[in-house]
Amino acid sequence: MNESKPVLYTYFRSSASARVRIALNLKGIEYEPRPVNLAQGEQRSGPYAVLNPGCLVPTLEIDGHRLTQSVAILEYLEETRRNRPLLPADPLQRAHVRAIVGAICSDTQPLQNLRVLLELPEAERAEHARRVISRGLAVVEKMLEHTAGRFCVGDDVTLADCCLIPQLYNAHRYAVDFAALPRIREIEERTAALDAFHRAHWSQQPDCPANIK
């Protein structure tokens, strides 16, 4: 394997980037963050548009490879760095993890990301995001009735937690009501005490403006 330090192209408010930041931290992988300012359109022009034709973050350069799509990156890290497993050994539990990952990363986040919001009139964006996130988290809450222990699936942190917590960043940003999400709130509180999650939080990123930290 190439031993050079991995490079993560990221944006402080990108929940997809945060999933990867959390996993890298949990697995003890030091990396160099290279911010891409989505609000200024850096993902659509200049060198990054060549680096990632999808014009999305994250992109991870690791082991001499360039990887895109956060879930694919998470799976690659899991398959190549087994020192801190983020998928359970039991096949059923692994399926539960992947189902929660799908509910967030396929069914919720893409419907409220920046590209979608910019297609809407500005006055409608916050309500659209709040509605989509509320609906998605309600589904996850129901799933957790059957899977949760201390975390999303059982008592160990998994890829499901890596994906859930960044979605909550957006939930808070758009004032989603957490009253009917008790399991999600408990998991959020537990992960907040873990250094890997704290260091991955948007407010801790080098490109986060000082005035909103």
N, C-alpha and C. Protein backbone atom coordinates (compact mmCIF):
# COMPACT_ATOMS: atom_id res chain seq x y z
N MET A 1 0.83 -1.20 0.00
CA MET A 1 0.00 0.00 0.00
C MET A 1 0.86 1.26 0.00
N ASN A 2 0.38 2.30 -0.63
CA ASN A 2 1.04 3.59 -0.58
C ASN A 2 0.92 4.15 0.82
N GLU A 3 2.07 4.53 1.41
CA GLU A 3 2.06 4.95 2.82
C GLU A 3 1.91 6.46 3.00
N SER A 4 1.76 7.23 1.93
CA SER A 4 1.60 8.66 2.07
C SER A 4 0.29 8.98 2.77
N LYS A 5 0.26 10.13 3.43
CA LYS A 5 -0.92 10.51 4.20
C LYS A 5 -2.12 10.69 3.26
N PRO A 6 -3.26 10.09 3.58
CA PRO A 6 -4.45 10.28 2.75
C PRO A 6 -4.86 11.75 2.71
N VAL A 7 -5.50 12.13 1.62
CA VAL A 7 -6.01 13.48 1.43
C VAL A 7 -7.52 13.40 1.27
N LEU A 8 -8.24 14.19 2.08
CA LEU A 8 -9.69 14.22 2.00
C LEU A 8 -10.14 15.59 1.52
N TYR A 9 -10.76 15.63 0.35
CA TYR A 9 -11.38 16.85 -0.15
C TYR A 9 -12.76 16.93 0.51
N THR A 10 -13.00 18.03 1.21
CA THR A 10 -14.12 18.09 2.13
C THR A 10 -14.69 19.50 2.16
N TYR A 11 -15.82 19.64 2.79
CA TYR A 11 -16.44 20.95 3.05
C TYR A 11 -17.04 20.88 4.44
N PHE A 12 -16.87 21.90 5.22
CA PHE A 12 -17.20 21.81 6.64
C PHE A 12 -18.65 21.44 6.90
N ARG A 13 -19.57 21.88 6.04
CA ARG A 13 -20.98 21.60 6.27
C ARG A 13 -21.50 20.39 5.48
N SER A 14 -20.65 19.74 4.75
CA SER A 14 -21.07 18.58 3.97
C SER A 14 -21.26 17.37 4.88
N SER A 15 -22.49 16.87 4.97
CA SER A 15 -22.72 15.69 5.80
C SER A 15 -22.07 14.46 5.19
N ALA A 16 -21.99 14.40 3.85
CA ALA A 16 -21.31 13.27 3.21
C ALA A 16 -19.83 13.25 3.58
N SER A 17 -19.21 14.42 3.59
CA SER A 17 -17.81 14.51 4.01
C SER A 17 -17.64 14.12 5.47
N ALA A 18 -18.60 14.54 6.30
CA ALA A 18 -18.50 14.25 7.74
C ALA A 18 -18.56 12.75 8.02
N ARG A 19 -19.33 12.01 7.22
CA ARG A 19 -19.37 10.55 7.41
C ARG A 19 -17.97 9.97 7.31
N VAL A 20 -17.24 10.43 6.30
CA VAL A 20 -15.89 9.92 6.07
C VAL A 20 -14.94 10.43 7.15
N ARG A 21 -15.08 11.69 7.56
CA ARG A 21 -14.22 12.21 8.63
C ARG A 21 -14.37 11.37 9.90
N ILE A 22 -15.61 11.03 10.24
CA ILE A 22 -15.84 10.23 11.44
C ILE A 22 -15.17 8.87 11.32
N ALA A 23 -15.36 8.21 10.18
CA ALA A 23 -14.78 6.87 10.00
C ALA A 23 -13.26 6.92 10.03
N LEU A 24 -12.66 7.91 9.39
CA LEU A 24 -11.20 8.04 9.43
C LEU A 24 -10.73 8.23 10.87
N ASN A 25 -11.42 9.06 11.62
CA ASN A 25 -11.05 9.28 13.02
C ASN A 25 -11.19 8.00 13.84
N LEU A 26 -12.30 7.29 13.66
CA LEU A 26 -12.53 6.07 14.43
C LEU A 26 -11.45 5.03 14.14
N LYS A 27 -11.00 4.97 12.92
CA LYS A 27 -10.00 3.97 12.54
C LYS A 27 -8.57 4.47 12.76
N GLY A 28 -8.44 5.68 13.29
CA GLY A 28 -7.12 6.20 13.60
C GLY A 28 -6.29 6.51 12.38
N ILE A 29 -6.93 6.91 11.31
CA ILE A 29 -6.22 7.24 10.07
C ILE A 29 -5.99 8.74 10.00
N GLU A 30 -4.76 9.17 10.07
CA GLU A 30 -4.45 10.58 9.92
C GLU A 30 -4.59 10.97 8.45
N TYR A 31 -5.14 12.14 8.22
CA TYR A 31 -5.36 12.58 6.84
C TYR A 31 -5.18 14.08 6.74
N GLU A 32 -4.97 14.53 5.51
CA GLU A 32 -4.87 15.96 5.24
C GLU A 32 -6.19 16.45 4.67
N PRO A 33 -6.88 17.37 5.36
CA PRO A 33 -8.12 17.91 4.79
C PRO A 33 -7.82 19.01 3.77
N ARG A 34 -8.48 18.95 2.63
CA ARG A 34 -8.36 20.00 1.63
C ARG A 34 -9.76 20.53 1.34
N PRO A 35 -10.10 21.66 1.90
CA PRO A 35 -11.46 22.19 1.76
C PRO A 35 -11.80 22.57 0.33
N VAL A 36 -13.05 22.29 -0.03
CA VAL A 36 -13.63 22.70 -1.30
C VAL A 36 -14.87 23.51 -0.94
N ASN A 37 -14.88 24.79 -1.28
CA ASN A 37 -15.98 25.66 -0.86
C ASN A 37 -17.19 25.48 -1.78
N LEU A 38 -18.16 24.71 -1.31
CA LEU A 38 -19.35 24.44 -2.12
C LEU A 38 -20.19 25.70 -2.31
N ALA A 39 -20.23 26.54 -1.30
CA ALA A 39 -21.05 27.75 -1.39
C ALA A 39 -20.54 28.70 -2.48
N GLN A 40 -19.25 28.64 -2.75
CA GLN A 40 -18.66 29.49 -3.79
C GLN A 40 -18.50 28.76 -5.12
N GLY A 41 -18.98 27.52 -5.19
CA GLY A 41 -18.96 26.78 -6.44
C GLY A 41 -17.62 26.20 -6.84
N GLU A 42 -16.69 26.06 -5.88
CA GLU A 42 -15.37 25.53 -6.22
C GLU A 42 -15.43 24.10 -6.74
N GLN A 43 -16.50 23.38 -6.39
CA GLN A 43 -16.63 22.00 -6.83
C GLN A 43 -16.95 21.88 -8.32
N ARG A 44 -17.38 22.98 -8.93
CA ARG A 44 -17.82 22.94 -10.33
C ARG A 44 -16.82 23.56 -11.30
N SER A 45 -15.73 24.07 -10.79
CA SER A 45 -14.76 24.73 -11.67
C SER A 45 -13.35 24.47 -11.17
N GLY A 46 -12.38 24.72 -12.04
CA GLY A 46 -11.00 24.59 -11.64
C GLY A 46 -10.58 23.14 -11.47
N PRO A 47 -9.51 22.91 -10.74
CA PRO A 47 -8.93 21.57 -10.62
C PRO A 47 -9.89 20.53 -10.04
N TYR A 48 -10.74 20.93 -9.09
CA TYR A 48 -11.58 19.92 -8.44
C TYR A 48 -12.60 19.31 -9.39
N ALA A 49 -13.09 20.07 -10.33
CA ALA A 49 -14.07 19.54 -11.29
C ALA A 49 -13.44 18.43 -12.14
N VAL A 50 -12.13 18.49 -12.32
CA VAL A 50 -11.42 17.43 -13.05
C VAL A 50 -11.19 16.24 -12.12
N LEU A 51 -10.88 16.55 -10.87
CA LEU A 51 -10.61 15.51 -9.87
C LEU A 51 -11.84 14.65 -9.62
N ASN A 52 -13.00 15.29 -9.52
CA ASN A 52 -14.26 14.59 -9.25
C ASN A 52 -15.29 15.05 -10.27
N PRO A 53 -15.50 14.29 -11.34
CA PRO A 53 -16.42 14.71 -12.40
C PRO A 53 -17.85 14.92 -11.92
N GLY A 54 -18.22 14.30 -10.78
CA GLY A 54 -19.55 14.51 -10.23
C GLY A 54 -19.71 15.85 -9.55
N CYS A 55 -18.58 16.55 -9.36
CA CYS A 55 -18.59 17.87 -8.71
C CYS A 55 -19.22 17.81 -7.34
N LEU A 56 -18.87 16.77 -6.59
CA LEU A 56 -19.38 16.57 -5.25
C LEU A 56 -18.21 16.31 -4.30
N VAL A 57 -18.44 16.51 -3.02
CA VAL A 57 -17.52 16.06 -1.99
C VAL A 57 -18.22 14.96 -1.20
N PRO A 58 -17.42 14.05 -0.62
CA PRO A 58 -15.97 14.05 -0.52
C PRO A 58 -15.30 13.30 -1.68
N THR A 59 -14.01 13.53 -1.78
CA THR A 59 -13.10 12.68 -2.55
C THR A 59 -11.96 12.32 -1.61
N LEU A 60 -11.61 11.06 -1.58
CA LEU A 60 -10.51 10.61 -0.72
C LEU A 60 -9.41 10.01 -1.58
N GLU A 61 -8.19 10.53 -1.42
CA GLU A 61 -7.02 9.95 -2.05
C GLU A 61 -6.29 9.12 -0.99
N ILE A 62 -6.21 7.81 -1.24
CA ILE A 62 -5.65 6.90 -0.25
C ILE A 62 -5.11 5.67 -0.97
N ASP A 63 -3.99 5.14 -0.47
CA ASP A 63 -3.39 3.93 -1.03
C ASP A 63 -3.08 4.07 -2.52
N GLY A 64 -2.82 5.28 -2.97
CA GLY A 64 -2.54 5.50 -4.37
C GLY A 64 -3.78 5.53 -5.25
N HIS A 65 -4.97 5.55 -4.61
CA HIS A 65 -6.24 5.55 -5.35
C HIS A 65 -7.00 6.83 -5.07
N ARG A 66 -7.92 7.15 -5.95
CA ARG A 66 -8.83 8.29 -5.74
C ARG A 66 -10.25 7.74 -5.68
N LEU A 67 -10.90 7.95 -4.55
CA LEU A 67 -12.22 7.38 -4.31
C LEU A 67 -13.26 8.50 -4.16
N THR A 68 -14.43 8.27 -4.71
CA THR A 68 -15.55 9.20 -4.56
C THR A 68 -16.76 8.44 -4.02
N GLN A 69 -17.80 9.19 -3.66
CA GLN A 69 -19.04 8.66 -3.09
C GLN A 69 -18.79 8.16 -1.67
N SER A 70 -19.39 8.84 -0.71
CA SER A 70 -19.06 8.59 0.70
C SER A 70 -19.30 7.15 1.14
N VAL A 71 -20.38 6.54 0.71
CA VAL A 71 -20.66 5.17 1.16
C VAL A 71 -19.63 4.20 0.58
N ALA A 72 -19.24 4.39 -0.67
CA ALA A 72 -18.20 3.56 -1.26
C ALA A 72 -16.89 3.74 -0.51
N ILE A 73 -16.59 4.96 -0.11
CA ILE A 73 -15.37 5.23 0.66
C ILE A 73 -15.44 4.53 2.01
N LEU A 74 -16.58 4.61 2.68
CA LEU A 74 -16.74 3.94 3.97
C LEU A 74 -16.52 2.44 3.84
N GLU A 75 -17.08 1.85 2.80
CA GLU A 75 -16.92 0.41 2.59
C GLU A 75 -15.45 0.07 2.31
N TYR A 76 -14.77 0.90 1.54
CA TYR A 76 -13.35 0.66 1.26
C TYR A 76 -12.53 0.71 2.54
N LEU A 77 -12.79 1.71 3.37
CA LEU A 77 -12.06 1.81 4.64
C LEU A 77 -12.33 0.59 5.51
N GLU A 78 -13.56 0.12 5.51
CA GLU A 78 -13.92 -1.04 6.32
C GLU A 78 -13.21 -2.29 5.81
N GLU A 79 -13.11 -2.43 4.51
CA GLU A 79 -12.52 -3.64 3.93
C GLU A 79 -10.99 -3.65 4.01
N THR A 80 -10.39 -2.47 4.10
CA THR A 80 -8.93 -2.40 4.09
C THR A 80 -8.33 -2.08 5.46
N ARG A 81 -9.14 -1.59 6.39
CA ARG A 81 -8.66 -1.24 7.73
C ARG A 81 -9.58 -1.88 8.76
N ARG A 82 -9.28 -3.14 9.07
CA ARG A 82 -10.15 -3.90 9.98
C ARG A 82 -9.77 -3.73 11.44
N ASN A 83 -8.85 -2.81 11.72
CA ASN A 83 -8.41 -2.63 13.11
C ASN A 83 -9.53 -2.15 14.02
N ARG A 84 -10.48 -1.44 13.45
CA ARG A 84 -11.60 -0.93 14.25
C ARG A 84 -12.86 -1.16 13.41
N PRO A 85 -13.45 -2.37 13.49
CA PRO A 85 -14.58 -2.70 12.62
C PRO A 85 -15.78 -1.78 12.83
N LEU A 86 -16.37 -1.36 11.73
CA LEU A 86 -17.57 -0.53 11.76
C LEU A 86 -18.76 -1.25 11.14
N LEU A 87 -18.57 -2.52 10.83
CA LEU A 87 -19.66 -3.41 10.43
C LEU A 87 -19.64 -4.61 11.36
N PRO A 88 -20.79 -5.02 11.90
CA PRO A 88 -20.81 -6.17 12.81
C PRO A 88 -20.42 -7.46 12.10
N ALA A 89 -20.00 -8.45 12.87
CA ALA A 89 -19.65 -9.75 12.31
C ALA A 89 -20.88 -10.52 11.86
N ASP A 90 -21.99 -10.32 12.55
CA ASP A 90 -23.22 -11.05 12.25
C ASP A 90 -23.86 -10.52 10.96
N PRO A 91 -24.18 -11.40 10.00
CA PRO A 91 -24.75 -10.93 8.72
C PRO A 91 -26.05 -10.15 8.86
N LEU A 92 -26.91 -10.55 9.78
CA LEU A 92 -28.16 -9.82 9.97
C LEU A 92 -27.91 -8.41 10.50
N GLN A 93 -27.01 -8.31 11.46
CA GLN A 93 -26.67 -7.00 11.99
C GLN A 93 -26.03 -6.11 10.92
N ARG A 94 -25.21 -6.72 10.07
CA ARG A 94 -24.60 -5.96 8.98
C ARG A 94 -25.68 -5.43 8.04
N ALA A 95 -26.68 -6.26 7.79
CA ALA A 95 -27.79 -5.83 6.93
C ALA A 95 -28.55 -4.68 7.57
N HIS A 96 -28.74 -4.72 8.89
CA HIS A 96 -29.41 -3.62 9.59
C HIS A 96 -28.61 -2.33 9.45
N VAL A 97 -27.30 -2.43 9.60
CA VAL A 97 -26.45 -1.25 9.45
C VAL A 97 -26.62 -0.67 8.05
N ARG A 98 -26.54 -1.51 7.05
CA ARG A 98 -26.62 -1.02 5.67
C ARG A 98 -28.00 -0.46 5.35
N ALA A 99 -29.04 -1.00 5.98
CA ALA A 99 -30.38 -0.46 5.76
C ALA A 99 -30.49 0.96 6.30
N ILE A 100 -29.94 1.20 7.48
CA ILE A 100 -29.97 2.55 8.06
C ILE A 100 -29.12 3.49 7.22
N VAL A 101 -27.96 3.02 6.78
CA VAL A 101 -27.12 3.82 5.90
C VAL A 101 -27.90 4.22 4.64
N GLY A 102 -28.62 3.28 4.06
CA GLY A 102 -29.41 3.57 2.87
C GLY A 102 -30.53 4.56 3.13
N ALA A 103 -31.20 4.41 4.27
CA ALA A 103 -32.31 5.31 4.61
C ALA A 103 -31.82 6.76 4.72
N ILE A 104 -30.60 6.93 5.16
CA ILE A 104 -30.04 8.28 5.30
C ILE A 104 -29.39 8.75 4.00
N CYS A 105 -28.48 7.92 3.48
CA CYS A 105 -27.62 8.37 2.37
C CYS A 105 -28.29 8.28 1.01
N SER A 106 -29.32 7.46 0.87
CA SER A 106 -30.03 7.35 -0.41
C SER A 106 -31.40 8.01 -0.38
N ASP A 107 -32.12 7.84 0.75
CA ASP A 107 -33.52 8.27 0.80
C ASP A 107 -33.73 9.65 1.41
N THR A 108 -32.75 10.18 2.12
CA THR A 108 -32.94 11.45 2.83
C THR A 108 -31.98 12.54 2.36
N GLN A 109 -30.70 12.37 2.62
CA GLN A 109 -29.73 13.44 2.35
C GLN A 109 -29.73 13.94 0.90
N PRO A 110 -29.81 13.06 -0.11
CA PRO A 110 -29.78 13.59 -1.49
C PRO A 110 -30.96 14.49 -1.83
N LEU A 111 -32.08 14.33 -1.12
CA LEU A 111 -33.26 15.13 -1.42
C LEU A 111 -33.21 16.52 -0.80
N GLN A 112 -32.21 16.78 0.06
CA GLN A 112 -32.11 18.09 0.71
C GLN A 112 -30.72 18.67 0.61
N ASN A 113 -29.90 18.13 -0.30
CA ASN A 113 -28.55 18.66 -0.39
C ASN A 113 -28.53 19.98 -1.15
N LEU A 114 -27.37 20.58 -1.21
CA LEU A 114 -27.25 21.93 -1.76
C LEU A 114 -27.72 22.01 -3.21
N ARG A 115 -27.39 20.99 -4.00
CA ARG A 115 -27.78 21.03 -5.41
C ARG A 115 -29.29 21.09 -5.57
N VAL A 116 -30.01 20.33 -4.73
CA VAL A 116 -31.47 20.34 -4.79
C VAL A 116 -32.02 21.67 -4.30
N LEU A 117 -31.51 22.15 -3.19
CA LEU A 117 -32.04 23.39 -2.61
C LEU A 117 -31.86 24.58 -3.56
N LEU A 118 -30.76 24.59 -4.29
CA LEU A 118 -30.52 25.71 -5.20
C LEU A 118 -31.48 25.71 -6.39
N GLU A 119 -32.16 24.61 -6.62
CA GLU A 119 -33.17 24.55 -7.68
C GLU A 119 -34.50 25.15 -7.24
N LEU A 120 -34.64 25.39 -5.94
CA LEU A 120 -35.90 25.90 -5.39
C LEU A 120 -35.81 27.40 -5.14
N PRO A 121 -36.96 28.08 -5.13
CA PRO A 121 -36.95 29.49 -4.70
C PRO A 121 -36.38 29.58 -3.29
N GLU A 122 -35.63 30.61 -3.03
CA GLU A 122 -34.95 30.73 -1.74
C GLU A 122 -35.91 30.63 -0.56
N ALA A 123 -37.11 31.20 -0.72
CA ALA A 123 -38.08 31.21 0.38
C ALA A 123 -38.59 29.82 0.72
N GLU A 124 -38.43 28.86 -0.18
CA GLU A 124 -38.96 27.51 0.04
C GLU A 124 -37.91 26.53 0.53
N ARG A 125 -36.65 26.92 0.53
CA ARG A 125 -35.58 25.96 0.77
C ARG A 125 -35.58 25.37 2.17
N ALA A 126 -35.71 26.22 3.18
CA ALA A 126 -35.64 25.74 4.55
C ALA A 126 -36.79 24.79 4.86
N GLU A 127 -37.99 25.12 4.42
CA GLU A 127 -39.14 24.26 4.69
C GLU A 127 -39.01 22.94 3.96
N HIS A 128 -38.52 22.98 2.73
CA HIS A 128 -38.31 21.73 1.99
C HIS A 128 -37.32 20.84 2.73
N ALA A 129 -36.18 21.40 3.13
CA ALA A 129 -35.18 20.62 3.85
C ALA A 129 -35.73 20.07 5.15
N ARG A 130 -36.46 20.90 5.89
CA ARG A 130 -37.03 20.45 7.17
C ARG A 130 -38.01 19.29 6.95
N ARG A 131 -38.82 19.39 5.93
CA ARG A 131 -39.81 18.34 5.65
C ARG A 131 -39.14 17.03 5.25
N VAL A 132 -38.15 17.10 4.38
CA VAL A 132 -37.46 15.90 3.92
C VAL A 132 -36.71 15.23 5.07
N ILE A 133 -35.99 16.03 5.85
CA ILE A 133 -35.21 15.48 6.96
C ILE A 133 -36.12 14.89 8.02
N SER A 134 -37.20 15.57 8.33
CA SER A 134 -38.15 15.06 9.34
C SER A 134 -38.71 13.72 8.93
N ARG A 135 -39.09 13.61 7.67
CA ARG A 135 -39.64 12.34 7.16
C ARG A 135 -38.59 11.24 7.22
N GLY A 136 -37.37 11.55 6.81
CA GLY A 136 -36.32 10.54 6.83
C GLY A 136 -35.95 10.09 8.23
N LEU A 137 -35.82 11.02 9.15
CA LEU A 137 -35.47 10.65 10.52
C LEU A 137 -36.58 9.88 11.21
N ALA A 138 -37.83 10.15 10.85
CA ALA A 138 -38.94 9.37 11.41
C ALA A 138 -38.83 7.90 11.01
N VAL A 139 -38.39 7.66 9.78
CA VAL A 139 -38.18 6.29 9.32
C VAL A 139 -37.05 5.64 10.10
N VAL A 140 -35.94 6.36 10.25
CA VAL A 140 -34.80 5.81 10.99
C VAL A 140 -35.18 5.52 12.43
N GLU A 141 -35.94 6.41 13.05
CA GLU A 141 -36.37 6.18 14.43
C GLU A 141 -37.13 4.88 14.56
N LYS A 142 -38.00 4.60 13.59
CA LYS A 142 -38.74 3.33 13.61
C LYS A 142 -37.80 2.14 13.44
N MET A 143 -36.82 2.28 12.58
CA MET A 143 -35.85 1.21 12.38
C MET A 143 -35.08 0.93 13.67
N LEU A 144 -34.76 1.99 14.40
CA LEU A 144 -33.99 1.84 15.63
C LEU A 144 -34.75 1.10 16.72
N GLU A 145 -36.07 1.08 16.63
CA GLU A 145 -36.85 0.31 17.60
C GLU A 145 -36.41 -1.15 17.62
N HIS A 146 -35.95 -1.65 16.48
CA HIS A 146 -35.59 -3.06 16.35
C HIS A 146 -34.09 -3.31 16.35
N THR A 147 -33.30 -2.26 16.24
CA THR A 147 -31.85 -2.47 16.08
C THR A 147 -30.99 -1.83 17.16
N ALA A 148 -31.48 -0.79 17.80
CA ALA A 148 -30.62 0.02 18.66
C ALA A 148 -30.28 -0.66 19.98
N GLY A 149 -29.05 -0.42 20.40
CA GLY A 149 -28.61 -0.68 21.75
C GLY A 149 -28.15 0.68 22.26
N ARG A 150 -26.87 0.78 22.58
CA ARG A 150 -26.33 2.10 22.91
C ARG A 150 -26.20 2.97 21.66
N PHE A 151 -26.03 2.31 20.52
CA PHE A 151 -25.90 3.03 19.26
C PHE A 151 -26.91 2.49 18.25
N CYS A 152 -26.75 2.82 16.99
CA CYS A 152 -27.81 2.50 16.02
C CYS A 152 -28.09 1.01 15.91
N VAL A 153 -27.03 0.22 15.89
CA VAL A 153 -27.19 -1.23 15.79
C VAL A 153 -26.35 -1.86 16.89
N GLY A 154 -27.01 -2.24 17.95
CA GLY A 154 -26.29 -2.82 19.08
C GLY A 154 -25.55 -1.78 19.91
N ASP A 155 -24.51 -2.26 20.58
CA ASP A 155 -23.81 -1.41 21.55
C ASP A 155 -22.48 -0.87 21.05
N ASP A 156 -22.16 -1.12 19.79
CA ASP A 156 -20.91 -0.61 19.22
C ASP A 156 -21.22 0.38 18.10
N VAL A 157 -20.35 1.36 17.95
CA VAL A 157 -20.48 2.32 16.85
C VAL A 157 -20.27 1.59 15.52
N THR A 158 -21.13 1.88 14.56
CA THR A 158 -21.04 1.28 13.24
C THR A 158 -21.14 2.36 12.16
N LEU A 159 -21.10 1.93 10.91
CA LEU A 159 -21.27 2.87 9.81
C LEU A 159 -22.62 3.58 9.89
N ALA A 160 -23.61 2.95 10.50
CA ALA A 160 -24.91 3.60 10.64
C ALA A 160 -24.79 4.87 11.47
N ASP A 161 -24.01 4.84 12.54
CA ASP A 161 -23.81 6.03 13.37
C ASP A 161 -22.99 7.08 12.62
N CYS A 162 -22.02 6.61 11.83
CA CYS A 162 -21.21 7.55 11.03
C CYS A 162 -22.08 8.34 10.06
N CYS A 163 -23.17 7.74 9.61
CA CYS A 163 -24.06 8.41 8.66
C CYS A 163 -25.19 9.16 9.35
N LEU A 164 -25.68 8.64 10.45
CA LEU A 164 -26.79 9.31 11.15
C LEU A 164 -26.37 10.67 11.70
N ILE A 165 -25.26 10.72 12.40
CA ILE A 165 -24.89 11.94 13.12
C ILE A 165 -24.72 13.14 12.19
N PRO A 166 -24.05 13.02 11.05
CA PRO A 166 -23.98 14.19 10.15
C PRO A 166 -25.34 14.64 9.63
N GLN A 167 -26.27 13.71 9.47
CA GLN A 167 -27.61 14.11 9.05
C GLN A 167 -28.28 14.97 10.12
N LEU A 168 -27.91 14.73 11.36
CA LEU A 168 -28.47 15.54 12.45
C LEU A 168 -27.92 16.96 12.44
N TYR A 169 -26.72 17.16 11.88
CA TYR A 169 -26.23 18.53 11.74
C TYR A 169 -27.25 19.34 10.94
N ASN A 170 -27.70 18.76 9.83
CA ASN A 170 -28.67 19.46 8.99
C ASN A 170 -30.03 19.55 9.67
N ALA A 171 -30.37 18.54 10.43
CA ALA A 171 -31.65 18.57 11.15
C ALA A 171 -31.70 19.76 12.11
N HIS A 172 -30.63 19.98 12.83
CA HIS A 172 -30.58 21.13 13.74
C HIS A 172 -30.56 22.45 12.96
N ARG A 173 -29.82 22.46 11.88
CA ARG A 173 -29.71 23.67 11.08
C ARG A 173 -31.07 24.12 10.56
N TYR A 174 -31.92 23.15 10.21
CA TYR A 174 -33.23 23.49 9.65
C TYR A 174 -34.37 23.32 10.66
N ALA A 175 -34.01 23.29 11.94
CA ALA A 175 -34.98 23.33 13.03
C ALA A 175 -35.98 22.18 12.99
N VAL A 176 -35.51 20.98 12.74
CA VAL A 176 -36.35 19.79 12.81
C VAL A 176 -36.75 19.55 14.26
N ASP A 177 -37.99 19.15 14.47
CA ASP A 177 -38.50 18.85 15.81
C ASP A 177 -38.04 17.45 16.21
N PHE A 178 -37.27 17.35 17.30
CA PHE A 178 -36.74 16.07 17.76
C PHE A 178 -37.63 15.40 18.80
N ALA A 179 -38.79 15.97 19.08
CA ALA A 179 -39.63 15.45 20.17
C ALA A 179 -40.01 13.99 19.96
N ALA A 180 -40.24 13.59 18.73
CA ALA A 180 -40.67 12.21 18.44
C ALA A 180 -39.49 11.32 18.04
N LEU A 181 -38.27 11.74 18.38
CA LEU A 181 -37.08 11.00 17.98
C LEU A 181 -36.21 10.66 19.20
N PRO A 182 -36.77 10.00 20.21
CA PRO A 182 -36.01 9.78 21.45
C PRO A 182 -34.77 8.92 21.28
N ARG A 183 -34.85 7.88 20.46
CA ARG A 183 -33.67 7.01 20.28
C ARG A 183 -32.57 7.77 19.55
N ILE A 184 -32.94 8.54 18.55
CA ILE A 184 -31.96 9.33 17.83
C ILE A 184 -31.30 10.33 18.75
N ARG A 185 -32.09 10.96 19.62
CA ARG A 185 -31.51 11.94 20.55
C ARG A 185 -30.52 11.27 21.50
N GLU A 186 -30.85 10.06 21.97
CA GLU A 186 -29.94 9.35 22.88
C GLU A 186 -28.63 9.00 22.19
N ILE A 187 -28.73 8.54 20.95
CA ILE A 187 -27.52 8.18 20.21
C ILE A 187 -26.69 9.43 19.94
N GLU A 188 -27.33 10.52 19.63
CA GLU A 188 -26.60 11.77 19.41
C GLU A 188 -25.83 12.16 20.67
N GLU A 189 -26.45 12.03 21.82
CA GLU A 189 -25.79 12.38 23.07
C GLU A 189 -24.59 11.48 23.34
N ARG A 190 -24.74 10.19 23.05
CA ARG A 190 -23.64 9.26 23.32
C ARG A 190 -22.46 9.50 22.38
N THR A 191 -22.75 9.75 21.12
CA THR A 191 -21.65 9.97 20.18
C THR A 191 -20.95 11.30 20.44
N ALA A 192 -21.68 12.28 20.98
CA ALA A 192 -21.09 13.59 21.26
C ALA A 192 -19.95 13.48 22.27
N ALA A 193 -19.96 12.42 23.07
CA ALA A 193 -18.91 12.22 24.07
C ALA A 193 -17.68 11.53 23.49
N LEU A 194 -17.74 11.13 22.22
CA LEU A 194 -16.63 10.41 21.60
C LEU A 194 -15.77 11.36 20.79
N ASP A 195 -14.46 11.29 20.99
CA ASP A 195 -13.54 12.22 20.35
C ASP A 195 -13.62 12.16 18.82
N ALA A 196 -13.79 10.98 18.26
CA ALA A 196 -13.83 10.85 16.80
C ALA A 196 -14.98 11.64 16.20
N PHE A 197 -16.09 11.69 16.89
CA PHE A 197 -17.24 12.45 16.41
C PHE A 197 -17.04 13.94 16.64
N HIS A 198 -16.48 14.28 17.80
CA HIS A 198 -16.24 15.69 18.10
C HIS A 198 -15.31 16.32 17.08
N ARG A 199 -14.22 15.63 16.75
CA ARG A 199 -13.25 16.18 15.81
C ARG A 199 -13.79 16.27 14.38
N ALA A 200 -14.80 15.46 14.07
CA ALA A 200 -15.39 15.49 12.73
C ALA A 200 -16.51 16.52 12.59
N HIS A 201 -16.94 17.10 13.70
CA HIS A 201 -18.06 18.05 13.67
C HIS A 201 -17.72 19.24 12.78
N TRP A 202 -18.73 19.79 12.13
CA TRP A 202 -18.50 20.89 11.20
C TRP A 202 -17.79 22.07 11.85
N SER A 203 -18.09 22.32 13.13
CA SER A 203 -17.50 23.48 13.80
C SER A 203 -16.01 23.33 14.06
N GLN A 204 -15.49 22.11 13.94
CA GLN A 204 -14.08 21.85 14.20
C GLN A 204 -13.23 21.82 12.93
N GLN A 205 -13.85 22.10 11.79
CA GLN A 205 -13.13 21.98 10.53
C GLN A 205 -12.35 23.25 10.20
N PRO A 206 -11.23 23.13 9.51
CA PRO A 206 -10.39 24.30 9.24
C PRO A 206 -11.06 25.34 8.35
N ASP A 207 -12.06 24.92 7.57
CA ASP A 207 -12.73 25.87 6.68
C ASP A 207 -14.02 26.43 7.27
N CYS A 208 -14.29 26.11 8.53
CA CYS A 208 -15.50 26.67 9.16
C CYS A 208 -15.24 28.12 9.54
N PRO A 209 -16.06 29.04 9.06
CA PRO A 209 -15.86 30.46 9.40
C PRO A 209 -15.93 30.69 10.90
N ALA A 210 -15.04 31.50 11.41
CA ALA A 210 -14.98 31.74 12.85
C ALA A 210 -16.27 32.32 13.41
N ASN A 211 -17.01 33.08 12.60
CA ASN A 211 -18.20 33.75 13.13
C ASN A 211 -19.38 32.81 13.35
N ILE A 212 -19.30 31.54 12.88
CA ILE A 212 -20.42 30.62 13.11
C ILE A 212 -20.03 29.42 13.96
N LYS A 213 -18.78 29.38 14.41
CA LYS A 213 -18.34 28.24 15.23
C LYS A 213 -19.10 28.22 16.55
